[in-house]
Amino acid sequence: MHGIQFFRLYFQTHPLLIVSDISPSLPELATMVAAYNQMNHYGRTNGMVLTVPRPGLAEYRMTVQAEHLSSPNTCHGGVLAGLMDAALGAAALTLAFTKLEFVSTVEFKMNYLHAVHLHDALVARGMVDHAGNSLLVSSCIIYRVIEGQEEVAVARGLGTFNRYPANKRDFAKLVME
């Protein structure tokens, strides 16, 4: 069993831990993103919530907690790098899903623009800028969100992702571990 059949079966037998907002016109994409959310221990461990408005766009939200700090009240840059990679990759992955493909990070770079502090609410918005036959390129901006105020960009990034057929990975084995 592979491709959409596997993801449909997996989705039916495993309840969602994180709900993604996906267009009802793309049930296969919704199923694949739901399965990805189940496997994504990194995102859950770090309090990241994924929303996918459409293929090629992804948004992760998280709030900086004490375990994310590198010094009193200041978020470690690696936390932002992880959030950046996740948003860049999710944007690429959701577009790849539409062709029954997956992605792996080839490289990414980011610029830190402002310090991030304890309890800051962050939103990382990733989008695919280029979709070639073998590579996808995504960009992302991470914003600090304060209710009633304009969002402030705290980091910008760019990532390149290799696309490959879903049947090159044994996802049944990955998911069931």
C-alpha atoms as a PDB file:
ATOM      1  CA  MET A   1       0.000   0.000   0.000  1.00  0.00           C
ATOM      2  CA  HIS A   2       1.375   3.427  -0.851  1.00  0.00           C
ATOM      3  CA  GLY A   3       0.482   7.001  -1.729  1.00  0.00           C
ATOM      4  CA  ILE A   4      -3.033   8.248  -1.027  1.00  0.00           C
ATOM      5  CA  GLN A   5      -4.321   4.787   0.048  1.00  0.00           C
ATOM      6  CA  PHE A   6      -1.851   4.636   2.921  1.00  0.00           C
ATOM      7  CA  PHE A   7      -2.629   8.172   4.079  1.00  0.00           C
ATOM      8  CA  ARG A   8      -6.394   7.567   3.940  1.00  0.00           C
ATOM      9  CA  LEU A   9      -6.052   4.404   6.033  1.00  0.00           C
ATOM     10  CA  TYR A  10      -3.693   6.094   8.477  1.00  0.00           C
ATOM     11  CA  PHE A  11      -5.985   9.107   8.867  1.00  0.00           C
ATOM     12  CA  GLN A  12      -8.989   6.844   9.556  1.00  0.00           C
ATOM     13  CA  THR A  13      -7.184   4.893  12.284  1.00  0.00           C
ATOM     14  CA  HIS A  14      -5.287   7.699  14.061  1.00  0.00           C
ATOM     15  CA  PRO A  15      -7.044  10.717  15.595  1.00  0.00           C
ATOM     16  CA  LEU A  16      -5.633  14.149  14.803  1.00  0.00           C
ATOM     17  CA  LEU A  17      -3.354  15.718  17.379  1.00  0.00           C
ATOM     18  CA  ILE A  18      -3.020  19.003  15.486  1.00  0.00           C
ATOM     19  CA  VAL A  19      -5.757  20.192  13.153  1.00  0.00           C
ATOM     20  CA  SER A  20      -4.830  21.877   9.895  1.00  0.00           C
ATOM     21  CA  ASP A  21      -7.182  24.236   8.086  1.00  0.00           C
ATOM     22  CA  ILE A  22      -7.271  22.895   4.537  1.00  0.00           C
ATOM     23  CA  SER A  23      -9.706  23.483   1.704  1.00  0.00           C
ATOM     24  CA  PRO A  24     -12.369  20.732   1.559  1.00  0.00           C
ATOM     25  CA  SER A  25     -11.745  20.559  -2.213  1.00  0.00           C
ATOM     26  CA  LEU A  26      -8.383  18.917  -1.462  1.00  0.00           C
ATOM     27  CA  PRO A  27      -9.241  15.875   0.667  1.00  0.00           C
ATOM     28  CA  GLU A  28      -6.063  14.012  -0.329  1.00  0.00           C
ATOM     29  CA  LEU A  29      -3.930  16.966   0.771  1.00  0.00           C
ATOM     30  CA  ALA A  30      -5.875  17.245   4.022  1.00  0.00           C
ATOM     31  CA  THR A  31      -5.289  13.548   4.682  1.00  0.00           C
ATOM     32  CA  MET A  32      -1.580  13.778   3.934  1.00  0.00           C
ATOM     33  CA  VAL A  33      -1.091  16.858   6.123  1.00  0.00           C
ATOM     34  CA  ALA A  34      -3.000  15.146   8.934  1.00  0.00           C
ATOM     35  CA  ALA A  35      -0.644  12.167   8.722  1.00  0.00           C
ATOM     36  CA  TYR A  36       2.359  14.509   8.660  1.00  0.00           C
ATOM     37  CA  ASN A  37       1.084  16.238  11.809  1.00  0.00           C
ATOM     38  CA  GLN A  38       0.872  12.861  13.528  1.00  0.00           C
ATOM     39  CA  MET A  39       4.498  12.054  12.669  1.00  0.00           C
ATOM     40  CA  ASN A  40       5.882  15.521  13.447  1.00  0.00           C
ATOM     41  CA  HIS A  41       7.120  15.049  17.006  1.00  0.00           C
ATOM     42  CA  TYR A  42       9.407  18.089  16.688  1.00  0.00           C
ATOM     43  CA  GLY A  43       6.489  20.428  16.035  1.00  0.00           C
ATOM     44  CA  ARG A  44       4.384  19.057  18.885  1.00  0.00           C
ATOM     45  CA  THR A  45       7.301  19.066  21.331  1.00  0.00           C
ATOM     46  CA  ASN A  46       7.930  22.742  20.607  1.00  0.00           C
ATOM     47  CA  GLY A  47       4.264  23.782  20.725  1.00  0.00           C
ATOM     48  CA  MET A  48       4.080  24.496  16.992  1.00  0.00           C
ATOM     49  CA  VAL A  49       0.651  24.463  15.338  1.00  0.00           C
ATOM     50  CA  LEU A  50       0.488  24.080  11.549  1.00  0.00           C
ATOM     51  CA  THR A  51      -2.151  25.639   9.309  1.00  0.00           C
ATOM     52  CA  VAL A  52      -2.183  25.048   5.546  1.00  0.00           C
ATOM     53  CA  PRO A  53      -4.457  27.461   3.650  1.00  0.00           C
ATOM     54  CA  ARG A  54      -3.524  25.863   0.295  1.00  0.00           C
ATOM     55  CA  PRO A  55      -0.673  23.890  -1.312  1.00  0.00           C
ATOM     56  CA  GLY A  56       2.546  25.890  -1.256  1.00  0.00           C
ATOM     57  CA  LEU A  57       1.537  28.026   1.727  1.00  0.00           C
ATOM     58  CA  ALA A  58       2.056  27.102   5.358  1.00  0.00           C
ATOM     59  CA  GLU A  59       1.809  28.872   8.684  1.00  0.00           C
ATOM     60  CA  TYR A  60       3.228  27.704  11.995  1.00  0.00           C
ATOM     61  CA  ARG A  61       2.344  29.379  15.300  1.00  0.00           C
ATOM     62  CA  MET A  62       4.113  28.967  18.618  1.00  0.00           C
ATOM     63  CA  THR A  63       4.646  30.813  21.888  1.00  0.00           C
ATOM     64  CA  VAL A  64       8.144  31.113  23.361  1.00  0.00           C
ATOM     65  CA  GLN A  65       8.383  29.110  26.592  1.00  0.00           C
ATOM     66  CA  ALA A  66      11.074  28.944  29.299  1.00  0.00           C
ATOM     67  CA  GLU A  67      12.641  25.874  27.650  1.00  0.00           C
ATOM     68  CA  HIS A  68      13.265  27.964  24.498  1.00  0.00           C
ATOM     69  CA  LEU A  69      15.474  30.516  26.269  1.00  0.00           C
ATOM     70  CA  SER A  70      19.255  30.810  25.883  1.00  0.00           C
ATOM     71  CA  SER A  71      19.630  33.562  28.471  1.00  0.00           C
ATOM     72  CA  PRO A  72      17.196  35.237  30.840  1.00  0.00           C
ATOM     73  CA  ASN A  73      14.139  36.263  28.826  1.00  0.00           C
ATOM     74  CA  THR A  74      15.798  35.793  25.381  1.00  0.00           C
ATOM     75  CA  CYS A  75      14.844  33.041  22.927  1.00  0.00           C
ATOM     76  CA  HIS A  76      17.674  30.867  21.560  1.00  0.00           C
ATOM     77  CA  GLY A  77      18.329  31.463  17.857  1.00  0.00           C
ATOM     78  CA  GLY A  78      18.121  27.724  17.233  1.00  0.00           C
ATOM     79  CA  VAL A  79      14.452  27.783  18.210  1.00  0.00           C
ATOM     80  CA  LEU A  80      13.793  30.384  15.520  1.00  0.00           C
ATOM     81  CA  ALA A  81      15.890  28.375  13.045  1.00  0.00           C
ATOM     82  CA  GLY A  82      13.787  25.282  13.795  1.00  0.00           C
ATOM     83  CA  LEU A  83      10.569  27.257  13.328  1.00  0.00           C
ATOM     84  CA  MET A  84      11.948  28.724  10.091  1.00  0.00           C
ATOM     85  CA  ASP A  85      12.942  25.318   8.688  1.00  0.00           C
ATOM     86  CA  ALA A  86       9.547  23.895   9.651  1.00  0.00           C
ATOM     87  CA  ALA A  87       7.590  26.672   7.894  1.00  0.00           C
ATOM     88  CA  LEU A  88       9.826  26.663   4.808  1.00  0.00           C
ATOM     89  CA  GLY A  89       9.607  22.878   4.622  1.00  0.00           C
ATOM     90  CA  ALA A  90       5.867  22.686   5.247  1.00  0.00           C
ATOM     91  CA  ALA A  91       5.215  25.120   2.391  1.00  0.00           C
ATOM     92  CA  ALA A  92       7.341  22.962   0.071  1.00  0.00           C
ATOM     93  CA  LEU A  93       5.901  19.713   1.418  1.00  0.00           C
ATOM     94  CA  THR A  94       2.266  20.722   0.891  1.00  0.00           C
ATOM     95  CA  LEU A  95       2.977  21.552  -2.746  1.00  0.00           C
ATOM     96  CA  ALA A  96       4.912  18.292  -3.192  1.00  0.00           C
ATOM     97  CA  PHE A  97       1.996  16.350  -1.653  1.00  0.00           C
ATOM     98  CA  THR A  98      -0.171  17.373  -4.647  1.00  0.00           C
ATOM     99  CA  LYS A  99       2.085  15.193  -6.847  1.00  0.00           C
ATOM    100  CA  LEU A 100       2.513  12.381  -4.277  1.00  0.00           C
ATOM    101  CA  GLU A 101       6.007  13.605  -3.493  1.00  0.00           C
ATOM    102  CA  PHE A 102       7.926  14.447  -0.344  1.00  0.00           C
ATOM    103  CA  VAL A 103      10.763  16.867   0.286  1.00  0.00           C
ATOM    104  CA  SER A 104      14.022  17.053   2.185  1.00  0.00           C
ATOM    105  CA  THR A 105      15.930  20.199   3.096  1.00  0.00           C
ATOM    106  CA  VAL A 106      18.939  20.887   0.859  1.00  0.00           C
ATOM    107  CA  GLU A 107      19.827  24.186   2.548  1.00  0.00           C
ATOM    108  CA  PHE A 108      18.330  27.227   4.181  1.00  0.00           C
ATOM    109  CA  LYS A 109      19.528  30.590   5.365  1.00  0.00           C
ATOM    110  CA  MET A 110      17.985  33.128   7.643  1.00  0.00           C
ATOM    111  CA  ASN A 111      18.461  36.619   8.944  1.00  0.00           C
ATOM    112  CA  TYR A 112      17.621  37.471  12.544  1.00  0.00           C
ATOM    113  CA  LEU A 113      16.061  40.945  12.622  1.00  0.00           C
ATOM    114  CA  HIS A 114      14.903  41.441  16.235  1.00  0.00           C
ATOM    115  CA  ALA A 115      15.319  39.658  19.553  1.00  0.00           C
ATOM    116  CA  VAL A 116      12.534  37.330  20.649  1.00  0.00           C
ATOM    117  CA  HIS A 117      11.562  37.025  24.317  1.00  0.00           C
ATOM    118  CA  LEU A 118       9.777  34.762  26.766  1.00  0.00           C
ATOM    119  CA  HIS A 119       6.036  34.489  26.038  1.00  0.00           C
ATOM    120  CA  ASP A 120       6.293  36.157  22.611  1.00  0.00           C
ATOM    121  CA  ALA A 121       3.673  34.762  20.241  1.00  0.00           C
ATOM    122  CA  LEU A 122       5.243  33.941  16.888  1.00  0.00           C
ATOM    123  CA  VAL A 123       3.817  33.165  13.473  1.00  0.00           C
ATOM    124  CA  ALA A 124       6.002  31.842  10.655  1.00  0.00           C
ATOM    125  CA  ARG A 125       4.502  32.213   7.173  1.00  0.00           C
ATOM    126  CA  GLY A 126       6.156  30.144   4.452  1.00  0.00           C
ATOM    127  CA  MET A 127       5.427  30.107   0.737  1.00  0.00           C
ATOM    128  CA  VAL A 128       6.859  28.358  -2.310  1.00  0.00           C
ATOM    129  CA  ASP A 129       8.521  30.854  -4.639  1.00  0.00           C
ATOM    130  CA  HIS A 130       9.793  28.390  -7.256  1.00  0.00           C
ATOM    131  CA  ALA A 131       8.732  24.870  -8.155  1.00  0.00           C
ATOM    132  CA  GLY A 132      11.155  23.094 -10.487  1.00  0.00           C
ATOM    133  CA  ASN A 133      11.248  19.458 -11.523  1.00  0.00           C
ATOM    134  CA  SER A 134      13.643  18.458  -8.753  1.00  0.00           C
ATOM    135  CA  LEU A 135      13.891  21.463  -6.397  1.00  0.00           C
ATOM    136  CA  LEU A 136      11.464  23.734  -4.586  1.00  0.00           C
ATOM    137  CA  VAL A 137      12.462  27.117  -3.161  1.00  0.00           C
ATOM    138  CA  SER A 138      10.471  28.618  -0.272  1.00  0.00           C
ATOM    139  CA  SER A 139      10.667  31.889   1.613  1.00  0.00           C
ATOM    140  CA  CYS A 140       9.399  32.674   5.096  1.00  0.00           C
ATOM    141  CA  ILE A 141       8.996  35.544   7.506  1.00  0.00           C
ATOM    142  CA  ILE A 142       8.605  34.976  11.245  1.00  0.00           C
ATOM    143  CA  TYR A 143       6.563  37.664  12.974  1.00  0.00           C
ATOM    144  CA  ARG A 144       6.065  38.595  16.614  1.00  0.00           C
ATOM    145  CA  VAL A 145       2.318  38.935  17.151  1.00  0.00           C
ATOM    146  CA  ILE A 146       0.910  41.201  19.839  1.00  0.00           C
ATOM    147  CA  GLU A 147      -2.861  41.528  19.948  1.00  0.00           C
ATOM    148  CA  GLY A 148      -4.026  44.959  18.827  1.00  0.00           C
ATOM    149  CA  GLN A 149      -0.624  45.864  17.361  1.00  0.00           C
ATOM    150  CA  GLU A 150       1.005  45.519  13.963  1.00  0.00           C
ATOM    151  CA  GLU A 151       3.055  42.327  13.491  1.00  0.00           C
ATOM    152  CA  VAL A 152       6.835  42.809  13.646  1.00  0.00           C
ATOM    153  CA  ALA A 153       9.126  40.725  11.412  1.00  0.00           C
ATOM    154  CA  VAL A 154      11.778  39.110  13.640  1.00  0.00           C
ATOM    155  CA  ALA A 155      13.415  36.824  11.029  1.00  0.00           C
ATOM    156  CA  ARG A 156      13.447  36.156   7.284  1.00  0.00           C
ATOM    157  CA  GLY A 157      14.594  33.018   5.523  1.00  0.00           C
ATOM    158  CA  LEU A 158      14.978  31.171   2.248  1.00  0.00           C
ATOM    159  CA  GLY A 159      15.148  27.406   1.762  1.00  0.00           C
ATOM    160  CA  THR A 160      15.795  24.917  -1.021  1.00  0.00           C
ATOM    161  CA  PHE A 161      14.162  21.495  -0.924  1.00  0.00           C
ATOM    162  CA  ASN A 162      14.693  18.312  -2.920  1.00  0.00           C
ATOM    163  CA  ARG A 163      11.489  16.698  -4.131  1.00  0.00           C
ATOM    164  CA  TYR A 164      11.235  12.921  -4.466  1.00  0.00           C
ATOM    165  CA  PRO A 165       8.503  10.306  -5.016  1.00  0.00           C
ATOM    166  CA  ALA A 166       6.591   9.227  -1.910  1.00  0.00           C
ATOM    167  CA  ASN A 167       7.226   5.554  -2.672  1.00  0.00           C
ATOM    168  CA  LYS A 168      10.965   6.055  -1.961  1.00  0.00           C
ATOM    169  CA  ARG A 169      10.198   6.071   1.776  1.00  0.00           C
ATOM    170  CA  ASP A 170       8.525   3.418   3.865  1.00  0.00           C
ATOM    171  CA  PHE A 171       6.068   5.724   5.596  1.00  0.00           C
ATOM    172  CA  ALA A 172       4.112   2.881   7.135  1.00  0.00           C
ATOM    173  CA  LYS A 173       7.256   1.953   9.087  1.00  0.00           C
ATOM    174  CA  LEU A 174       7.955   5.595  10.025  1.00  0.00           C
ATOM    175  CA  VAL A 175       4.427   6.271  11.217  1.00  0.00           C
ATOM    176  CA  MET A 176       3.996   3.096  13.237  1.00  0.00           C
ATOM    177  CA  GLU A 177       7.264   3.447  15.202  1.00  0.00           C
END
